Amino acid sequence: MALIETVSPERVQSNMEIFSHPITGVEPICHESPHAALVRFYHAFNNRDSVAMEENWDHSGRCVMSNPLGGIKRGWDEIGSVYQKIFHGGARVYVEFYDGSFRKSCC
């Protein structure tokens, strides 16, 4: 037997922050939030800043990255090596994040 919870649009909206503007890494950071973490990530990536990228990732070994260029990597040592290849490779890569949302969980 499956339990299906019906969630009202108002409840979904109250737990979700939706944004339609791109995140490029140049946006101001007003407070610590998931949005701020994305801004820091894209700033580090688009500026090839290895130090800022490392500061933006967890170092406990619990982090996982699934990336078309690097596959699935676990822990900062594996993840960092992917960024080193990108940052020091011949291609200049620039990325932006569009049409995202943040969902707050209660538990």
C-alpha atoms as a PDB file:
ATOM      1  CA  MET A   1       0.000   0.000   0.000  1.00  0.00           C
ATOM      2  CA  ALA A   2       1.378   3.393  -0.974  1.00  0.00           C
ATOM      3  CA  LEU A   3       0.718   6.553   0.938  1.00  0.00           C
ATOM      4  CA  ILE A   4       0.197   9.533  -1.326  1.00  0.00           C
ATOM      5  CA  GLU A   5       0.283  12.978   0.206  1.00  0.00           C
ATOM      6  CA  THR A   6      -1.626  15.719  -1.530  1.00  0.00           C
ATOM      7  CA  VAL A   7       0.234  18.990  -1.231  1.00  0.00           C
ATOM      8  CA  SER A   8      -1.503  22.277  -1.892  1.00  0.00           C
ATOM      9  CA  PRO A   9       0.149  24.750  -4.313  1.00  0.00           C
ATOM     10  CA  GLU A  10       0.418  27.216  -1.430  1.00  0.00           C
ATOM     11  CA  ARG A  11       2.384  24.734   0.678  1.00  0.00           C
ATOM     12  CA  VAL A  12       4.702  23.865  -2.188  1.00  0.00           C
ATOM     13  CA  GLN A  13       5.306  27.530  -2.862  1.00  0.00           C
ATOM     14  CA  SER A  14       6.014  28.276   0.807  1.00  0.00           C
ATOM     15  CA  ASN A  15       8.711  25.544   0.858  1.00  0.00           C
ATOM     16  CA  MET A  16      10.267  26.539  -2.436  1.00  0.00           C
ATOM     17  CA  GLU A  17      12.280  29.475  -3.697  1.00  0.00           C
ATOM     18  CA  ILE A  18      12.100  29.687  -7.495  1.00  0.00           C
ATOM     19  CA  PHE A  19      14.409  31.845  -9.565  1.00  0.00           C
ATOM     20  CA  SER A  20      14.452  32.449 -13.293  1.00  0.00           C
ATOM     21  CA  HIS A  21      17.484  34.727 -13.572  1.00  0.00           C
ATOM     22  CA  PRO A  22      20.847  33.127 -14.359  1.00  0.00           C
ATOM     23  CA  ILE A  23      23.450  32.530 -11.678  1.00  0.00           C
ATOM     24  CA  THR A  24      26.848  33.394 -13.129  1.00  0.00           C
ATOM     25  CA  GLY A  25      28.985  34.094 -10.072  1.00  0.00           C
ATOM     26  CA  VAL A  26      28.816  37.893 -10.184  1.00  0.00           C
ATOM     27  CA  GLU A  27      25.623  38.241  -8.130  1.00  0.00           C
ATOM     28  CA  PRO A  28      25.897  39.874  -4.702  1.00  0.00           C
ATOM     29  CA  ILE A  29      25.736  37.577  -1.675  1.00  0.00           C
ATOM     30  CA  CYS A  30      23.598  39.036   1.091  1.00  0.00           C
ATOM     31  CA  HIS A  31      23.451  36.081   3.498  1.00  0.00           C
ATOM     32  CA  GLU A  32      24.427  32.433   3.757  1.00  0.00           C
ATOM     33  CA  SER A  33      21.982  30.355   1.759  1.00  0.00           C
ATOM     34  CA  PRO A  34      21.872  27.683  -0.956  1.00  0.00           C
ATOM     35  CA  HIS A  35      21.735  30.556  -3.451  1.00  0.00           C
ATOM     36  CA  ALA A  36      24.959  32.023  -2.012  1.00  0.00           C
ATOM     37  CA  ALA A  37      26.675  28.631  -2.338  1.00  0.00           C
ATOM     38  CA  LEU A  38      25.702  28.491  -6.024  1.00  0.00           C
ATOM     39  CA  VAL A  39      26.971  32.031  -6.598  1.00  0.00           C
ATOM     40  CA  ARG A  40      30.307  31.115  -4.983  1.00  0.00           C
ATOM     41  CA  PHE A  41      30.509  27.919  -7.066  1.00  0.00           C
ATOM     42  CA  TYR A  42      29.893  29.687 -10.386  1.00  0.00           C
ATOM     43  CA  HIS A  43      32.254  32.498  -9.428  1.00  0.00           C
ATOM     44  CA  ALA A  44      35.019  29.980  -8.715  1.00  0.00           C
ATOM     45  CA  PHE A  45      34.286  27.967 -11.858  1.00  0.00           C
ATOM     46  CA  ASN A  46      34.059  30.899 -14.258  1.00  0.00           C
ATOM     47  CA  ASN A  47      37.218  32.459 -12.839  1.00  0.00           C
ATOM     48  CA  ARG A  48      39.167  29.175 -12.724  1.00  0.00           C
ATOM     49  CA  ASP A  49      39.764  29.802  -9.018  1.00  0.00           C
ATOM     50  CA  SER A  50      40.892  26.493  -7.514  1.00  0.00           C
ATOM     51  CA  VAL A  51      41.155  27.881  -3.985  1.00  0.00           C
ATOM     52  CA  ALA A  52      37.616  29.326  -4.008  1.00  0.00           C
ATOM     53  CA  MET A  53      36.280  26.094  -5.519  1.00  0.00           C
ATOM     54  CA  GLU A  54      37.918  24.024  -2.775  1.00  0.00           C
ATOM     55  CA  GLU A  55      36.498  26.340  -0.090  1.00  0.00           C
ATOM     56  CA  ASN A  56      33.001  25.847  -1.524  1.00  0.00           C
ATOM     57  CA  TRP A  57      33.039  22.038  -1.183  1.00  0.00           C
ATOM     58  CA  ASP A  58      32.609  19.858   1.896  1.00  0.00           C
ATOM     59  CA  HIS A  59      35.768  18.002   2.928  1.00  0.00           C
ATOM     60  CA  SER A  60      34.209  15.312   5.121  1.00  0.00           C
ATOM     61  CA  GLY A  61      34.223  12.720   2.348  1.00  0.00           C
ATOM     62  CA  ARG A  62      30.427  12.730   2.072  1.00  0.00           C
ATOM     63  CA  CYS A  63      30.284  14.923  -1.028  1.00  0.00           C
ATOM     64  CA  VAL A  64      29.543  13.364  -4.404  1.00  0.00           C
ATOM     65  CA  MET A  65      29.714  14.935  -7.854  1.00  0.00           C
ATOM     66  CA  SER A  66      28.096  13.515 -10.969  1.00  0.00           C
ATOM     67  CA  ASN A  67      29.520  15.328 -13.964  1.00  0.00           C
ATOM     68  CA  PRO A  68      29.508  14.573 -17.703  1.00  0.00           C
ATOM     69  CA  LEU A  69      33.222  15.409 -17.869  1.00  0.00           C
ATOM     70  CA  GLY A  70      34.355  13.511 -14.810  1.00  0.00           C
ATOM     71  CA  GLY A  71      31.702  10.900 -14.121  1.00  0.00           C
ATOM     72  CA  ILE A  72      30.841  10.158 -10.492  1.00  0.00           C
ATOM     73  CA  LYS A  73      33.461  11.341  -8.051  1.00  0.00           C
ATOM     74  CA  ARG A  74      33.428  10.962  -4.271  1.00  0.00           C
ATOM     75  CA  GLY A  75      35.291  13.141  -1.782  1.00  0.00           C
ATOM     76  CA  TRP A  76      37.132  16.372  -2.457  1.00  0.00           C
ATOM     77  CA  ASP A  77      40.350  14.726  -3.716  1.00  0.00           C
ATOM     78  CA  GLU A  78      38.525  13.068  -6.627  1.00  0.00           C
ATOM     79  CA  ILE A  79      36.240  16.061  -7.241  1.00  0.00           C
ATOM     80  CA  GLY A  80      39.085  18.569  -7.073  1.00  0.00           C
ATOM     81  CA  SER A  81      41.069  16.644  -9.677  1.00  0.00           C
ATOM     82  CA  VAL A  82      38.219  17.126 -12.175  1.00  0.00           C
ATOM     83  CA  TYR A  83      38.250  20.900 -11.631  1.00  0.00           C
ATOM     84  CA  GLN A  84      42.043  20.984 -11.940  1.00  0.00           C
ATOM     85  CA  LYS A  85      41.756  19.353 -15.376  1.00  0.00           C
ATOM     86  CA  ILE A  86      39.067  21.828 -16.439  1.00  0.00           C
ATOM     87  CA  PHE A  87      40.846  24.897 -15.043  1.00  0.00           C
ATOM     88  CA  HIS A  88      44.249  23.965 -16.501  1.00  0.00           C
ATOM     89  CA  GLY A  89      43.001  22.510 -19.786  1.00  0.00           C
ATOM     90  CA  GLY A  90      43.177  24.214 -23.146  1.00  0.00           C
ATOM     91  CA  ALA A  91      39.479  25.096 -23.411  1.00  0.00           C
ATOM     92  CA  ARG A  92      38.079  28.167 -21.673  1.00  0.00           C
ATOM     93  CA  VAL A  93      34.789  27.028 -20.148  1.00  0.00           C
ATOM     94  CA  TYR A  94      32.092  29.433 -18.906  1.00  0.00           C
ATOM     95  CA  VAL A  95      28.859  28.196 -17.295  1.00  0.00           C
ATOM     96  CA  GLU A  96      25.598  29.699 -16.021  1.00  0.00           C
ATOM     97  CA  PHE A  97      22.732  28.167 -14.052  1.00  0.00           C
ATOM     98  CA  TYR A  98      19.175  28.921 -15.217  1.00  0.00           C
ATOM     99  CA  ASP A  99      15.629  28.273 -14.012  1.00  0.00           C
ATOM    100  CA  GLY A 100      16.286  26.661 -10.678  1.00  0.00           C
ATOM    101  CA  SER A 101      14.531  26.238  -7.397  1.00  0.00           C
ATOM    102  CA  PHE A 102      15.448  25.565  -3.794  1.00  0.00           C
ATOM    103  CA  ARG A 103      13.167  23.419  -1.709  1.00  0.00           C
ATOM    104  CA  LYS A 104      13.251  23.646   2.072  1.00  0.00           C
ATOM    105  CA  SER A 105      12.766  20.369   3.899  1.00  0.00           C
ATOM    106  CA  CYS A 106      11.473  20.234   7.411  1.00  0.00           C
ATOM    107  CA  CYS A 107      13.288  17.102   8.638  1.00  0.00           C
END
